[in-house]
């Protein structure tokens, strides 16, 4: 299902040979109140869910600029994924 992006908002992301998928979610209420969530489906059958109950820069409805929540998390994932050395290295 993930390979066909069923239920995800974005195309798969490949970093250092590892592919992950992301599902965005959120709700905006009165006075720019914002709740955000993102589910990341990572290599090795790991899942990461982030829930944020405050504004994060980069959201169009808030008029703020800068990195979005997804950008921050994607950067952390990219920095954490490293290629494994070949066996017998």
PDB file of N, CA and C in Angstrom:
ATOM      1  N   UNK A   1       0.823  -1.189   0.000  1.00  0.00           N
ATOM      2  CA  UNK A   1       0.000   0.000   0.000  1.00  0.00           C
ATOM      3  C   UNK A   1       0.869   1.254   0.000  1.00  0.00           C
ATOM      4  N   UNK A   2       1.947   1.259   0.791  1.00  0.00           N
ATOM      5  CA  UNK A   2       2.810   2.436   0.830  1.00  0.00           C
ATOM      6  C   UNK A   2       3.511   2.652  -0.505  1.00  0.00           C
ATOM      7  N   UNK A   3       3.964   1.575  -1.136  1.00  0.00           N
ATOM      8  CA  UNK A   3       4.662   1.700  -2.406  1.00  0.00           C
ATOM      9  C   UNK A   3       3.782   2.397  -3.440  1.00  0.00           C
ATOM     10  N   UNK A   4       2.473   2.150  -3.381  1.00  0.00           N
ATOM     11  CA  UNK A   4       1.530   2.795  -4.300  1.00  0.00           C
ATOM     12  C   UNK A   4       1.006   4.111  -3.732  1.00  0.00           C
ATOM     13  N   UNK A   5       1.594   4.609  -2.657  1.00  0.00           N
ATOM     14  CA  UNK A   5       1.233   5.846  -1.954  1.00  0.00           C
ATOM     15  C   UNK A   5      -0.244   5.882  -1.576  1.00  0.00           C
ATOM     16  N   UNK A   6      -0.806   4.739  -1.229  1.00  0.00           N
ATOM     17  CA  UNK A   6      -2.186   4.683  -0.782  1.00  0.00           C
ATOM     18  C   UNK A   6      -2.269   5.223   0.641  1.00  0.00           C
ATOM     19  N   UNK A   7      -2.931   6.356   0.822  1.00  0.00           N
ATOM     20  CA  UNK A   7      -3.093   6.946   2.143  1.00  0.00           C
ATOM     21  C   UNK A   7      -2.002   7.916   2.548  1.00  0.00           C
ATOM     22  N   UNK A   8      -1.041   8.176   1.682  1.00  0.00           N
ATOM     23  CA  UNK A   8       0.000   9.153   2.004  1.00  0.00           C
ATOM     24  C   UNK A   8      -0.228  10.404   1.170  1.00  0.00           C
ATOM     25  N   UNK A   9       0.333  11.529   1.617  1.00  0.00           N
ATOM     26  CA  UNK A   9       0.134  12.805   0.926  1.00  0.00           C
ATOM     27  C   UNK A   9       1.232  13.138  -0.064  1.00  0.00           C
ATOM     28  N   UNK A  10       2.332  12.491   0.038  1.00  0.00           N
ATOM     29  CA  UNK A  10       3.491  12.889  -0.754  1.00  0.00           C
ATOM     30  C   UNK A  10       4.122  11.651  -1.382  1.00  0.00           C
ATOM     31  N   UNK A  11       4.898  11.864  -2.424  1.00  0.00           N
ATOM     32  CA  UNK A  11       5.604  10.719  -2.989  1.00  0.00           C
ATOM     33  C   UNK A  11       6.647  10.195  -2.008  1.00  0.00           C
ATOM     34  N   UNK A  12       7.078   8.951  -2.178  1.00  0.00           N
ATOM     35  CA  UNK A  12       8.108   8.410  -1.288  1.00  0.00           C
ATOM     36  C   UNK A  12       9.380   9.244  -1.347  1.00  0.00           C
ATOM     37  N   UNK A  13      10.095   9.275  -0.229  1.00  0.00           N
ATOM     38  CA  UNK A  13      11.362  10.004  -0.147  1.00  0.00           C
ATOM     39  C   UNK A  13      12.472   8.974   0.039  1.00  0.00           C
ATOM     40  N   UNK A  14      13.530   9.071  -0.776  1.00  0.00           N
ATOM     41  CA  UNK A  14      14.657   8.162  -0.642  1.00  0.00           C
ATOM     42  C   UNK A  14      15.890   8.947  -0.217  1.00  0.00           C
ATOM     43  N   UNK A  15      16.504   8.510   0.879  1.00  0.00           N
ATOM     44  CA  UNK A  15      17.704   9.136   1.432  1.00  0.00           C
ATOM     45  C   UNK A  15      18.729   8.037   1.679  1.00  0.00           C
ATOM     46  N   UNK A  16      19.910   8.183   1.109  1.00  0.00           N
ATOM     47  CA  UNK A  16      20.981   7.197   1.280  1.00  0.00           C
ATOM     48  C   UNK A  16      20.499   5.769   1.027  1.00  0.00           C
ATOM     49  N   UNK A  17      19.648   5.599   0.031  1.00  0.00           N
ATOM     50  CA  UNK A  17      19.166   4.270  -0.325  1.00  0.00           C
ATOM     51  C   UNK A  17      18.001   3.767   0.495  1.00  0.00           C
ATOM     52  N   UNK A  18      17.561   4.510   1.508  1.00  0.00           N
ATOM     53  CA  UNK A  18      16.430   4.119   2.349  1.00  0.00           C
ATOM     54  C   UNK A  18      15.217   4.967   1.974  1.00  0.00           C
ATOM     55  N   UNK A  19      14.071   4.333   1.838  1.00  0.00           N
ATOM     56  CA  UNK A  19      12.848   5.036   1.434  1.00  0.00           C
ATOM     57  C   UNK A  19      11.898   5.140   2.620  1.00  0.00           C
ATOM     58  N   UNK A  20      11.291   6.330   2.767  1.00  0.00           N
ATOM     59  CA  UNK A  20      10.243   6.497   3.772  1.00  0.00           C
ATOM     60  C   UNK A  20       9.065   7.232   3.162  1.00  0.00           C
ATOM     61  N   UNK A  21       7.913   7.159   3.857  1.00  0.00           N
ATOM     62  CA  UNK A  21       6.661   7.735   3.388  1.00  0.00           C
ATOM     63  C   UNK A  21       6.109   8.613   4.499  1.00  0.00           C
ATOM     64  N   UNK A  22       5.270   9.603   4.120  1.00  0.00           N
ATOM     65  CA  UNK A  22       4.732  10.512   5.140  1.00  0.00           C
ATOM     66  C   UNK A  22       3.260  10.799   4.875  1.00  0.00           C
ATOM     67  N   UNK A  23       2.498  10.934   5.967  1.00  0.00           N
ATOM     68  CA  UNK A  23       1.095  11.324   5.935  1.00  0.00           C
ATOM     69  C   UNK A  23       0.963  12.573   6.785  1.00  0.00           C
ATOM     70  N   UNK A  24       0.454  13.649   6.185  1.00  0.00           N
ATOM     71  CA  UNK A  24       0.284  14.917   6.882  1.00  0.00           C
ATOM     72  C   UNK A  24      -1.133  15.019   7.437  1.00  0.00           C
ATOM     73  N   UNK A  25      -1.275  15.727   8.540  1.00  0.00           N
ATOM     74  CA  UNK A  25      -2.588  15.978   9.113  1.00  0.00           C
ATOM     75  C   UNK A  25      -2.543  17.247   9.937  1.00  0.00           C
ATOM     76  N   UNK A  26      -3.711  17.739  10.296  1.00  0.00           N
ATOM     77  CA  UNK A  26      -3.740  18.925  11.137  1.00  0.00           C
ATOM     78  C   UNK A  26      -5.097  19.589  11.136  1.00  0.00           C
ATOM     79  N   UNK A  27      -5.201  20.570  11.988  1.00  0.00           N
ATOM     80  CA  UNK A  27      -6.436  21.322  12.125  1.00  0.00           C
ATOM     81  C   UNK A  27      -6.080  22.731  12.545  1.00  0.00           C
ATOM     82  N   UNK A  28      -6.746  23.716  11.943  1.00  0.00           N
ATOM     83  CA  UNK A  28      -6.552  25.115  12.306  1.00  0.00           C
ATOM     84  C   UNK A  28      -7.883  25.668  12.800  1.00  0.00           C
ATOM     85  N   UNK A  29      -7.848  26.311  13.952  1.00  0.00           N
ATOM     86  CA  UNK A  29      -9.055  26.882  14.530  1.00  0.00           C
ATOM     87  C   UNK A  29      -8.990  28.393  14.565  1.00  0.00           C
ATOM     88  N   UNK A  30      -9.765  28.960  15.455  1.00  0.00           N
ATOM     89  CA  UNK A  30      -9.825  30.418  15.582  1.00  0.00           C
ATOM     90  C   UNK A  30      -8.501  30.991  16.076  1.00  0.00           C
ATOM     91  N   UNK A  31      -8.246  32.229  15.715  1.00  0.00           N
ATOM     92  CA  UNK A  31      -7.076  32.976  16.175  1.00  0.00           C
ATOM     93  C   UNK A  31      -5.764  32.256  15.847  1.00  0.00           C
ATOM     94  N   UNK A  32      -5.710  31.659  14.661  1.00  0.00           N
ATOM     95  CA  UNK A  32      -4.514  30.969  14.178  1.00  0.00           C
ATOM     96  C   UNK A  32      -4.091  29.805  15.070  1.00  0.00           C
ATOM     97  N   UNK A  33      -5.017  29.262  15.859  1.00  0.00           N
ATOM     98  CA  UNK A  33      -4.700  28.074  16.646  1.00  0.00           C
ATOM     99  C   UNK A  33      -4.457  26.922  15.684  1.00  0.00           C
ATOM    100  N   UNK A  34      -3.457  26.140  15.949  1.00  0.00           N
ATOM    101  CA  UNK A  34      -3.062  25.116  15.000  1.00  0.00           C
ATOM    102  C   UNK A  34      -2.644  23.840  15.720  1.00  0.00           C
ATOM    103  N   UNK A  35      -3.168  22.719  15.289  1.00  0.00           N
ATOM    104  CA  UNK A  35      -2.709  21.416  15.746  1.00  0.00           C
ATOM    105  C   UNK A  35      -2.212  20.685  14.517  1.00  0.00           C
ATOM    106  N   UNK A  36      -1.034  20.121  14.603  1.00  0.00           N
ATOM    107  CA  UNK A  36      -0.449  19.438  13.458  1.00  0.00           C
ATOM    108  C   UNK A  36      -0.044  18.028  13.852  1.00  0.00           C
ATOM    109  N   UNK A  37      -0.080  17.151  12.873  1.00  0.00           N
ATOM    110  CA  UNK A  37       0.424  15.800  13.094  1.00  0.00           C
ATOM    111  C   UNK A  37       0.982  15.273  11.780  1.00  0.00           C
ATOM    112  N   UNK A  38       1.960  14.435  11.908  1.00  0.00           N
ATOM    113  CA  UNK A  38       2.558  13.791  10.753  1.00  0.00           C
ATOM    114  C   UNK A  38       2.933  12.379  11.153  1.00  0.00           C
ATOM    115  N   UNK A  39       2.660  11.449  10.260  1.00  0.00           N
ATOM    116  CA  UNK A  39       3.048  10.055  10.475  1.00  0.00           C
ATOM    117  C   UNK A  39       4.091   9.700   9.432  1.00  0.00           C
ATOM    118  N   UNK A  40       5.212   9.216   9.889  1.00  0.00           N
ATOM    119  CA  UNK A  40       6.295   8.802   9.005  1.00  0.00           C
ATOM    120  C   UNK A  40       6.402   7.285   9.068  1.00  0.00           C
ATOM    121  N   UNK A  41       6.451   6.661   7.911  1.00  0.00           N
ATOM    122  CA  UNK A  41       6.639   5.219   7.802  1.00  0.00           C
ATOM    123  C   UNK A  41       8.063   5.010   7.315  1.00  0.00           C
ATOM    124  N   UNK A  42       8.918   4.579   8.228  1.00  0.00           N
ATOM    125  CA  UNK A  42      10.359   4.542   8.016  1.00  0.00           C
ATOM    126  C   UNK A  42      10.828   3.146   7.622  1.00  0.00           C
ATOM    127  N   UNK A  43      12.084   3.059   7.173  1.00  0.00           N
ATOM    128  CA  UNK A  43      12.649   1.741   6.868  1.00  0.00           C
ATOM    129  C   UNK A  43      12.641   0.828   8.101  1.00  0.00           C
ATOM    130  N   UNK A  44      12.794  -0.449   7.870  1.00  0.00           N
ATOM    131  CA  UNK A  44      12.829  -1.475   8.913  1.00  0.00           C
ATOM    132  C   UNK A  44      11.521  -1.535   9.701  1.00  0.00           C
ATOM    133  N   UNK A  45      10.404  -1.207   9.034  1.00  0.00           N
ATOM    134  CA  UNK A  45       9.067  -1.256   9.639  1.00  0.00           C
ATOM    135  C   UNK A  45       8.932  -0.386  10.877  1.00  0.00           C
ATOM    136  N   UNK A  46       9.653   0.720  10.930  1.00  0.00           N
ATOM    137  CA  UNK A  46       9.522   1.666  12.045  1.00  0.00           C
ATOM    138  C   UNK A  46       8.505   2.745  11.660  1.00  0.00           C
ATOM    139  N   UNK A  47       7.806   3.235  12.649  1.00  0.00           N
ATOM    140  CA  UNK A  47       6.842   4.316  12.441  1.00  0.00           C
ATOM    141  C   UNK A  47       7.134   5.436  13.429  1.00  0.00           C
ATOM    142  N   UNK A  48       6.930   6.667  12.969  1.00  0.00           N
ATOM    143  CA  UNK A  48       7.156   7.843  13.813  1.00  0.00           C
ATOM    144  C   UNK A  48       5.961   8.763  13.641  1.00  0.00           C
ATOM    145  N   UNK A  49       5.327   9.135  14.753  1.00  0.00           N
ATOM    146  CA  UNK A  49       4.193  10.055  14.711  1.00  0.00           C
ATOM    147  C   UNK A  49       4.543  11.268  15.543  1.00  0.00           C
ATOM    148  N   UNK A  50       4.345  12.451  14.966  1.00  0.00           N
ATOM    149  CA  UNK A  50       4.634  13.718  15.644  1.00  0.00           C
ATOM    150  C   UNK A  50       3.308  14.473  15.805  1.00  0.00           C
ATOM    151  N   UNK A  51       3.007  14.907  17.016  1.00  0.00           N
ATOM    152  CA  UNK A  51       1.822  15.718  17.297  1.00  0.00           C
ATOM    153  C   UNK A  51       2.286  17.039  17.885  1.00  0.00           C
ATOM    154  N   UNK A  52       1.852  18.149  17.310  1.00  0.00           N
ATOM    155  CA  UNK A  52       2.263  19.477  17.765  1.00  0.00           C
ATOM    156  C   UNK A  52       1.004  20.326  17.943  1.00  0.00           C
ATOM    157  N   UNK A  53       0.870  20.953  19.102  1.00  0.00           N
ATOM    158  CA  UNK A  53      -0.321  21.758  19.376  1.00  0.00           C
ATOM    159  C   UNK A  53      -0.018  23.253  19.358  1.00  0.00           C
ATOM    160  N   UNK A  54       0.930  23.656  18.535  1.00  0.00           N
ATOM    161  CA  UNK A  54       1.247  25.072  18.403  1.00  0.00           C
ATOM    162  C   UNK A  54       1.703  25.346  16.974  1.00  0.00           C
ATOM    163  N   UNK A  55       1.793  26.609  16.644  1.00  0.00           N
ATOM    164  CA  UNK A  55       2.195  26.980  15.290  1.00  0.00           C
ATOM    165  C   UNK A  55       3.646  26.598  15.029  1.00  0.00           C
ATOM    166  N   UNK A  56       3.892  26.216  13.815  1.00  0.00           N
ATOM    167  CA  UNK A  56       5.238  25.950  13.344  1.00  0.00           C
ATOM    168  C   UNK A  56       5.419  26.775  12.085  1.00  0.00           C
ATOM    169  N   UNK A  57       6.525  27.474  11.994  1.00  0.00           N
ATOM    170  CA  UNK A  57       6.760  28.340  10.839  1.00  0.00           C
ATOM    171  C   UNK A  57       6.607  27.559   9.541  1.00  0.00           C
ATOM    172  N   UNK A  58       6.200  28.278   8.503  1.00  0.00           N
ATOM    173  CA  UNK A  58       6.094  27.687   7.192  1.00  0.00           C
ATOM    174  C   UNK A  58       4.676  27.285   6.826  1.00  0.00           C
ATOM    175  N   UNK A  59       3.740  27.422   7.743  1.00  0.00           N
ATOM    176  CA  UNK A  59       2.361  27.057   7.440  1.00  0.00           C
ATOM    177  C   UNK A  59       1.680  28.204   6.710  1.00  0.00           C
ATOM    178  N   UNK A  60       1.097  27.905   5.561  1.00  0.00           N
ATOM    179  CA  UNK A  60       0.512  28.939   4.705  1.00  0.00           C
ATOM    180  C   UNK A  60      -0.579  29.724   5.425  1.00  0.00           C
ATOM    181  N   UNK A  61      -1.433  29.029   6.183  1.00  0.00           N
ATOM    182  CA  UNK A  61      -2.552  29.719   6.815  1.00  0.00           C
ATOM    183  C   UNK A  61      -2.099  30.674   7.914  1.00  0.00           C
ATOM    184  N   UNK A  62      -0.908  30.478   8.459  1.00  0.00           N
ATOM    185  CA  UNK A  62      -0.445  31.347   9.534  1.00  0.00           C
ATOM    186  C   UNK A  62       0.255  32.590   9.006  1.00  0.00           C
ATOM    187  N   UNK A  63       0.616  32.583   7.707  1.00  0.00           N
ATOM    188  CA  UNK A  63       1.327  33.713   7.128  1.00  0.00           C
ATOM    189  C   UNK A  63       2.778  33.790   7.566  1.00  0.00           C
ATOM    190  N   UNK A  64       3.262  32.776   8.246  1.00  0.00           N
ATOM    191  CA  UNK A  64       4.642  32.763   8.726  1.00  0.00           C
ATOM    192  C   UNK A  64       5.533  32.128   7.658  1.00  0.00           C
ATOM    193  N   UNK A  65       6.792  32.451   7.703  1.00  0.00           N
ATOM    194  CA  UNK A  65       7.720  31.846   6.767  1.00  0.00           C
ATOM    195  C   UNK A  65       8.812  31.118   7.522  1.00  0.00           C
ATOM    196  N   UNK A  66       9.444  30.209   6.860  1.00  0.00           N
ATOM    197  CA  UNK A  66      10.504  29.430   7.472  1.00  0.00           C
ATOM    198  C   UNK A  66      10.241  27.958   7.291  1.00  0.00           C
ATOM    199  N   UNK A  67      11.079  27.112   7.892  1.00  0.00           N
ATOM    200  CA  UNK A  67      10.906  25.677   7.710  1.00  0.00           C
ATOM    201  C   UNK A  67       9.608  25.173   8.330  1.00  0.00           C
ATOM    202  N   UNK A  68       8.988  24.212   7.683  1.00  0.00           N
ATOM    203  CA  UNK A  68       7.763  23.614   8.207  1.00  0.00           C
ATOM    204  C   UNK A  68       8.116  22.464   9.147  1.00  0.00           C
ATOM    205  N   UNK A  69       7.118  21.962   9.844  1.00  0.00           N
ATOM    206  CA  UNK A  69       7.313  20.816  10.723  1.00  0.00           C
ATOM    207  C   UNK A  69       7.875  19.643   9.923  1.00  0.00           C
ATOM    208  N   UNK A  70       7.323  19.392   8.753  1.00  0.00           N
ATOM    209  CA  UNK A  70       7.790  18.285   7.913  1.00  0.00           C
ATOM    210  C   UNK A  70       9.241  18.478   7.520  1.00  0.00           C
ATOM    211  N   UNK A  71       9.644  19.718   7.228  1.00  0.00           N
ATOM    212  CA  UNK A  71      11.028  19.997   6.847  1.00  0.00           C
ATOM    213  C   UNK A  71      11.976  19.672   7.996  1.00  0.00           C
ATOM    214  N   UNK A  72      11.607  20.052   9.210  1.00  0.00           N
ATOM    215  CA  UNK A  72      12.452  19.772  10.377  1.00  0.00           C
ATOM    216  C   UNK A  72      12.603  18.275  10.594  1.00  0.00           C
ATOM    217  N   UNK A  73      11.474  17.554  10.561  1.00  0.00           N
ATOM    218  CA  UNK A  73      11.524  16.116  10.806  1.00  0.00           C
ATOM    219  C   UNK A  73      12.256  15.405   9.672  1.00  0.00           C
ATOM    220  N   UNK A  74      12.000  15.814   8.428  1.00  0.00           N
ATOM    221  CA  UNK A  74      12.681  15.193   7.281  1.00  0.00           C
ATOM    222  C   UNK A  74      14.190  15.385   7.379  1.00  0.00           C
ATOM    223  N   UNK A  75      14.632  16.539   7.824  1.00  0.00           N
ATOM    224  CA  UNK A  75      16.069  16.783   7.986  1.00  0.00           C
ATOM    225  C   UNK A  75      16.648  15.872   9.070  1.00  0.00           C
ATOM    226  N   UNK A  76      15.926  15.696  10.164  1.00  0.00           N
ATOM    227  CA  UNK A  76      16.399  14.819  11.234  1.00  0.00           C
ATOM    228  C   UNK A  76      16.482  13.373  10.750  1.00  0.00           C
ATOM    229  N   UNK A  77      15.494  12.946   9.977  1.00  0.00           N
ATOM    230  CA  UNK A  77      15.506  11.586   9.437  1.00  0.00           C
ATOM    231  C   UNK A  77      16.680  11.428   8.471  1.00  0.00           C
ATOM    232  N   UNK A  78      16.854  12.396   7.585  1.00  0.00           N
ATOM    233  CA  UNK A  78      17.941  12.325   6.598  1.00  0.00           C
ATOM    234  C   UNK A  78      19.299  12.257   7.295  1.00  0.00           C
ATOM    235  N   UNK A  79      19.458  12.981   8.390  1.00  0.00           N
ATOM    236  CA  UNK A  79      20.732  12.956   9.120  1.00  0.00           C
ATOM    237  C   UNK A  79      20.941  11.654   9.883  1.00  0.00           C
ATOM    238  N   UNK A  80      19.852  10.943  10.177  1.00  0.00           N
ATOM    239  CA  UNK A  80      19.955   9.711  10.951  1.00  0.00           C
ATOM    240  C   UNK A  80      20.123   8.472  10.078  1.00  0.00           C
ATOM    241  N   UNK A  81      19.703   8.548   8.823  1.00  0.00           N
ATOM    242  CA  UNK A  81      19.808   7.388   7.942  1.00  0.00           C
ATOM    243  C   UNK A  81      21.204   7.353   7.334  1.00  0.00           C
ATOM    244  N   UNK A  82      21.908   6.305   7.608  1.00  0.00           N
ATOM    245  CA  UNK A  82      23.247   6.128   7.054  1.00  0.00           C
ATOM    246  C   UNK A  82      23.316   4.774   6.374  1.00  0.00           C
ATOM    247  N   UNK A  83      24.160   4.682   5.391  1.00  0.00           N
ATOM    248  CA  UNK A  83      24.330   3.412   4.710  1.00  0.00           C
ATOM    249  C   UNK A  83      25.079   2.442   5.609  1.00  0.00           C
ATOM    250  N   UNK A  84      24.653   1.216   5.597  1.00  0.00           N
ATOM    251  CA  UNK A  84      25.320   0.183   6.376  1.00  0.00           C
ATOM    252  C   UNK A  84      26.562  -0.264   5.621  1.00  0.00           C
ATOM    253  N   UNK A  85      27.662  -0.515   6.317  1.00  0.00           N
ATOM    254  CA  UNK A  85      28.840  -1.038   5.624  1.00  0.00           C
ATOM    255  C   UNK A  85      28.531  -2.426   5.074  1.00  0.00           C
ATOM    256  N   UNK A  86      29.132  -2.781   3.971  1.00  0.00           N
ATOM    257  CA  UNK A  86      28.885  -4.130   3.438  1.00  0.00           C
ATOM    258  C   UNK A  86      29.369  -5.194   4.418  1.00  0.00           C
ATOM    259  N   UNK A  87      28.757  -6.388   4.373  1.00  0.00           N
ATOM    260  CA  UNK A  87      29.206  -7.450   5.274  1.00  0.00           C
ATOM    261  C   UNK A  87      30.678  -7.769   5.001  1.00  0.00           C
ATOM    262  N   UNK A  88      31.372  -8.162   6.007  1.00  0.00           N
ATOM    263  CA  UNK A  88      32.796  -8.499   5.916  1.00  0.00           C
ATOM    264  C   UNK A  88      33.667  -7.292   5.592  1.00  0.00           C
ATOM    265  N   UNK A  89      33.183  -6.072   5.931  1.00  0.00           N
ATOM    266  CA  UNK A  89      33.987  -4.871   5.638  1.00  0.00           C
ATOM    267  C   UNK A  89      35.032  -4.652   6.700  1.00  0.00           C
TER     268      UNK A  89
END
